Amino acid sequence: MTFGGIGAINTAIHAGIVILLVEACSVWPPVGQVFGFIGSNLFSYIANATITFRRPVSLAGYAKFVSMSLTTLLTALVLSMTVQWLGLNYLIGLALFVLVNPLVSFALHYLVTFKKA
């Protein structure tokens, strides 16, 4: 499994949490995005560290991962809030995030988080 495969699973986790919270719990979509981020981030770190980049899992490594992942959370929030501001369905913001996030995420993690010393 590669970064893309892990990303697909991670995206499903993230989207599932967002949709569940918005549809079943009437949570505001940007808040759902935050919980989707939290729920999928730990899985993504462990899977990418061990499978994609073959690095040991550690708290220091996760701290780097989270700092880079916060950029993707910011991307999700900006897209979600823009879509809400435009009065569009929240799924449009989620779809835009699913399209943009893999490129931003891979670049950040490749260049910073899992950079070989």
C-alpha atoms as a PDB file:
ATOM      1  CA  MET A   1       0.000   0.000   0.000  1.00  0.00           C
ATOM      2  CA  THR A   2       1.323   3.434  -0.892  1.00  0.00           C
ATOM      3  CA  PHE A   3       0.656   6.999   0.205  1.00  0.00           C
ATOM      4  CA  GLY A   4      -2.266   7.091  -2.244  1.00  0.00           C
ATOM      5  CA  GLY A   5      -3.879   3.930  -0.894  1.00  0.00           C
ATOM      6  CA  ILE A   6      -3.477   5.031   2.693  1.00  0.00           C
ATOM      7  CA  GLY A   7      -4.787   8.431   1.672  1.00  0.00           C
ATOM      8  CA  ALA A   8      -7.893   6.834   0.158  1.00  0.00           C
ATOM      9  CA  ILE A   9      -8.639   4.996   3.404  1.00  0.00           C
ATOM     10  CA  ASN A  10      -7.847   8.106   5.411  1.00  0.00           C
ATOM     11  CA  THR A  11     -10.134  10.195   3.200  1.00  0.00           C
ATOM     12  CA  ALA A  12     -12.945   7.697   3.737  1.00  0.00           C
ATOM     13  CA  ILE A  13     -12.438   7.923   7.505  1.00  0.00           C
ATOM     14  CA  HIS A  14     -12.386  11.728   7.364  1.00  0.00           C
ATOM     15  CA  ALA A  15     -15.412  12.016   5.055  1.00  0.00           C
ATOM     16  CA  GLY A  16     -17.352   9.405   7.023  1.00  0.00           C
ATOM     17  CA  ILE A  17     -16.894  11.331  10.243  1.00  0.00           C
ATOM     18  CA  VAL A  18     -17.869  14.644   8.594  1.00  0.00           C
ATOM     19  CA  ILE A  19     -20.990  13.220   6.960  1.00  0.00           C
ATOM     20  CA  LEU A  20     -22.038  11.354  10.115  1.00  0.00           C
ATOM     21  CA  LEU A  21     -21.689  14.451  12.285  1.00  0.00           C
ATOM     22  CA  VAL A  22     -23.426  16.792   9.831  1.00  0.00           C
ATOM     23  CA  GLU A  23     -26.259  14.460   8.844  1.00  0.00           C
ATOM     24  CA  ALA A  24     -26.905  12.558  12.075  1.00  0.00           C
ATOM     25  CA  CYS A  25     -25.907  15.150  14.673  1.00  0.00           C
ATOM     26  CA  SER A  26     -26.623  18.449  12.846  1.00  0.00           C
ATOM     27  CA  VAL A  27     -23.072  19.654  13.491  1.00  0.00           C
ATOM     28  CA  TRP A  28     -21.926  22.751  11.552  1.00  0.00           C
ATOM     29  CA  PRO A  29     -19.802  21.417   8.627  1.00  0.00           C
ATOM     30  CA  PRO A  30     -16.561  23.235   9.590  1.00  0.00           C
ATOM     31  CA  VAL A  31     -16.780  21.642  13.053  1.00  0.00           C
ATOM     32  CA  GLY A  32     -17.355  18.284  11.383  1.00  0.00           C
ATOM     33  CA  GLN A  33     -14.173  18.898   9.391  1.00  0.00           C
ATOM     34  CA  VAL A  34     -12.197  19.380  12.617  1.00  0.00           C
ATOM     35  CA  PHE A  35     -13.467  16.095  14.031  1.00  0.00           C
ATOM     36  CA  GLY A  36     -12.846  14.359  10.708  1.00  0.00           C
ATOM     37  CA  PHE A  37      -9.274  15.638  10.825  1.00  0.00           C
ATOM     38  CA  ILE A  38      -8.733  14.413  14.373  1.00  0.00           C
ATOM     39  CA  GLY A  39     -10.281  11.027  13.678  1.00  0.00           C
ATOM     40  CA  SER A  40      -8.242  10.328  10.575  1.00  0.00           C
ATOM     41  CA  ASN A  41      -4.928  11.933  11.535  1.00  0.00           C
ATOM     42  CA  LEU A  42      -3.644   9.264  13.908  1.00  0.00           C
ATOM     43  CA  PHE A  43      -4.421   6.475  11.433  1.00  0.00           C
ATOM     44  CA  SER A  44      -2.670   8.405   8.678  1.00  0.00           C
ATOM     45  CA  TYR A  45       0.481   8.966  10.724  1.00  0.00           C
ATOM     46  CA  ILE A  46       0.883   5.349  11.823  1.00  0.00           C
ATOM     47  CA  ALA A  47       0.125   3.930   8.373  1.00  0.00           C
ATOM     48  CA  ASN A  48       2.337   6.364   6.466  1.00  0.00           C
ATOM     49  CA  ALA A  49       5.220   6.161   8.924  1.00  0.00           C
ATOM     50  CA  THR A  50       5.324   2.371   8.880  1.00  0.00           C
ATOM     51  CA  ILE A  51       4.243   1.549   5.324  1.00  0.00           C
ATOM     52  CA  THR A  52       4.956   4.481   3.000  1.00  0.00           C
ATOM     53  CA  PHE A  53       8.062   6.072   4.494  1.00  0.00           C
ATOM     54  CA  ARG A  54       9.338   3.131   6.602  1.00  0.00           C
ATOM     55  CA  ARG A  55      10.078   5.229   9.662  1.00  0.00           C
ATOM     56  CA  PRO A  56       9.532   4.306  13.302  1.00  0.00           C
ATOM     57  CA  VAL A  57       6.404   5.606  14.987  1.00  0.00           C
ATOM     58  CA  SER A  58       7.277   8.082  17.736  1.00  0.00           C
ATOM     59  CA  LEU A  59       5.833  11.032  19.609  1.00  0.00           C
ATOM     60  CA  ALA A  60       8.424  13.344  18.033  1.00  0.00           C
ATOM     61  CA  GLY A  61       7.516  12.029  14.589  1.00  0.00           C
ATOM     62  CA  TYR A  62       3.824  12.478  15.301  1.00  0.00           C
ATOM     63  CA  ALA A  63       4.433  16.040  16.483  1.00  0.00           C
ATOM     64  CA  LYS A  64       6.034  16.828  13.096  1.00  0.00           C
ATOM     65  CA  PHE A  65       3.223  15.036  11.318  1.00  0.00           C
ATOM     66  CA  VAL A  66       0.556  16.982  13.194  1.00  0.00           C
ATOM     67  CA  SER A  67       2.282  20.297  12.504  1.00  0.00           C
ATOM     68  CA  MET A  68       2.262  19.571   8.764  1.00  0.00           C
ATOM     69  CA  SER A  69      -1.250  18.140   8.942  1.00  0.00           C
ATOM     70  CA  LEU A  70      -2.548  21.357  10.476  1.00  0.00           C
ATOM     71  CA  THR A  71      -1.935  22.917   7.067  1.00  0.00           C
ATOM     72  CA  THR A  72      -4.350  20.408   5.578  1.00  0.00           C
ATOM     73  CA  LEU A  73      -6.847  21.141   8.357  1.00  0.00           C
ATOM     74  CA  LEU A  74      -6.595  24.839   7.515  1.00  0.00           C
ATOM     75  CA  THR A  75      -7.229  23.960   3.861  1.00  0.00           C
ATOM     76  CA  ALA A  76     -10.321  21.968   4.863  1.00  0.00           C
ATOM     77  CA  LEU A  77     -11.646  24.782   7.023  1.00  0.00           C
ATOM     78  CA  VAL A  78     -11.095  27.471   4.399  1.00  0.00           C
ATOM     79  CA  LEU A  79     -12.828  25.381   1.735  1.00  0.00           C
ATOM     80  CA  SER A  80     -15.682  24.414   4.056  1.00  0.00           C
ATOM     81  CA  MET A  81     -16.257  27.954   5.305  1.00  0.00           C
ATOM     82  CA  THR A  82     -16.078  29.384   1.774  1.00  0.00           C
ATOM     83  CA  VAL A  83     -18.672  26.895   0.568  1.00  0.00           C
ATOM     84  CA  GLN A  84     -20.890  27.733   3.558  1.00  0.00           C
ATOM     85  CA  TRP A  85     -20.471  31.467   2.880  1.00  0.00           C
ATOM     86  CA  LEU A  86     -21.487  30.920  -0.752  1.00  0.00           C
ATOM     87  CA  GLY A  87     -24.596  29.056   0.430  1.00  0.00           C
ATOM     88  CA  LEU A  88     -23.598  25.826  -1.301  1.00  0.00           C
ATOM     89  CA  ASN A  89     -23.991  22.275  -0.054  1.00  0.00           C
ATOM     90  CA  TYR A  90     -21.232  21.253   2.382  1.00  0.00           C
ATOM     91  CA  LEU A  91     -20.450  18.218   0.201  1.00  0.00           C
ATOM     92  CA  ILE A  92     -18.966  20.577  -2.403  1.00  0.00           C
ATOM     93  CA  GLY A  93     -16.406  21.768   0.149  1.00  0.00           C
ATOM     94  CA  LEU A  94     -15.697  18.196   1.145  1.00  0.00           C
ATOM     95  CA  ALA A  95     -15.208  17.196  -2.505  1.00  0.00           C
ATOM     96  CA  LEU A  96     -12.837  20.119  -3.105  1.00  0.00           C
ATOM     97  CA  PHE A  97     -10.845  19.083  -0.043  1.00  0.00           C
ATOM     98  CA  VAL A  98     -10.650  15.481  -1.278  1.00  0.00           C
ATOM     99  CA  LEU A  99      -9.225  16.758  -4.585  1.00  0.00           C
ATOM    100  CA  VAL A 100      -6.699  19.254  -3.168  1.00  0.00           C
ATOM    101  CA  ASN A 101      -5.545  17.570   0.025  1.00  0.00           C
ATOM    102  CA  PRO A 102      -3.558  14.610  -1.362  1.00  0.00           C
ATOM    103  CA  LEU A 103      -1.154  16.861  -3.262  1.00  0.00           C
ATOM    104  CA  VAL A 104      -0.600  19.295  -0.400  1.00  0.00           C
ATOM    105  CA  SER A 105      -0.317  16.506   2.153  1.00  0.00           C
ATOM    106  CA  PHE A 106       2.175  14.378   0.224  1.00  0.00           C
ATOM    107  CA  ALA A 107       4.424  17.342  -0.528  1.00  0.00           C
ATOM    108  CA  LEU A 108       4.510  18.448   3.115  1.00  0.00           C
ATOM    109  CA  HIS A 109       5.102  14.989   4.535  1.00  0.00           C
ATOM    110  CA  TYR A 110       7.692  14.028   1.935  1.00  0.00           C
ATOM    111  CA  LEU A 111       9.653  17.256   2.258  1.00  0.00           C
ATOM    112  CA  VAL A 112       9.336  17.844   6.004  1.00  0.00           C
ATOM    113  CA  THR A 113       7.819  15.096   8.156  1.00  0.00           C
ATOM    114  CA  PHE A 114       9.575  12.039   6.778  1.00  0.00           C
ATOM    115  CA  LYS A 115      12.590  13.752   5.240  1.00  0.00           C
ATOM    116  CA  LYS A 116      15.672  11.541   5.385  1.00  0.00           C
ATOM    117  CA  ALA A 117      18.393  13.056   7.526  1.00  0.00           C
END
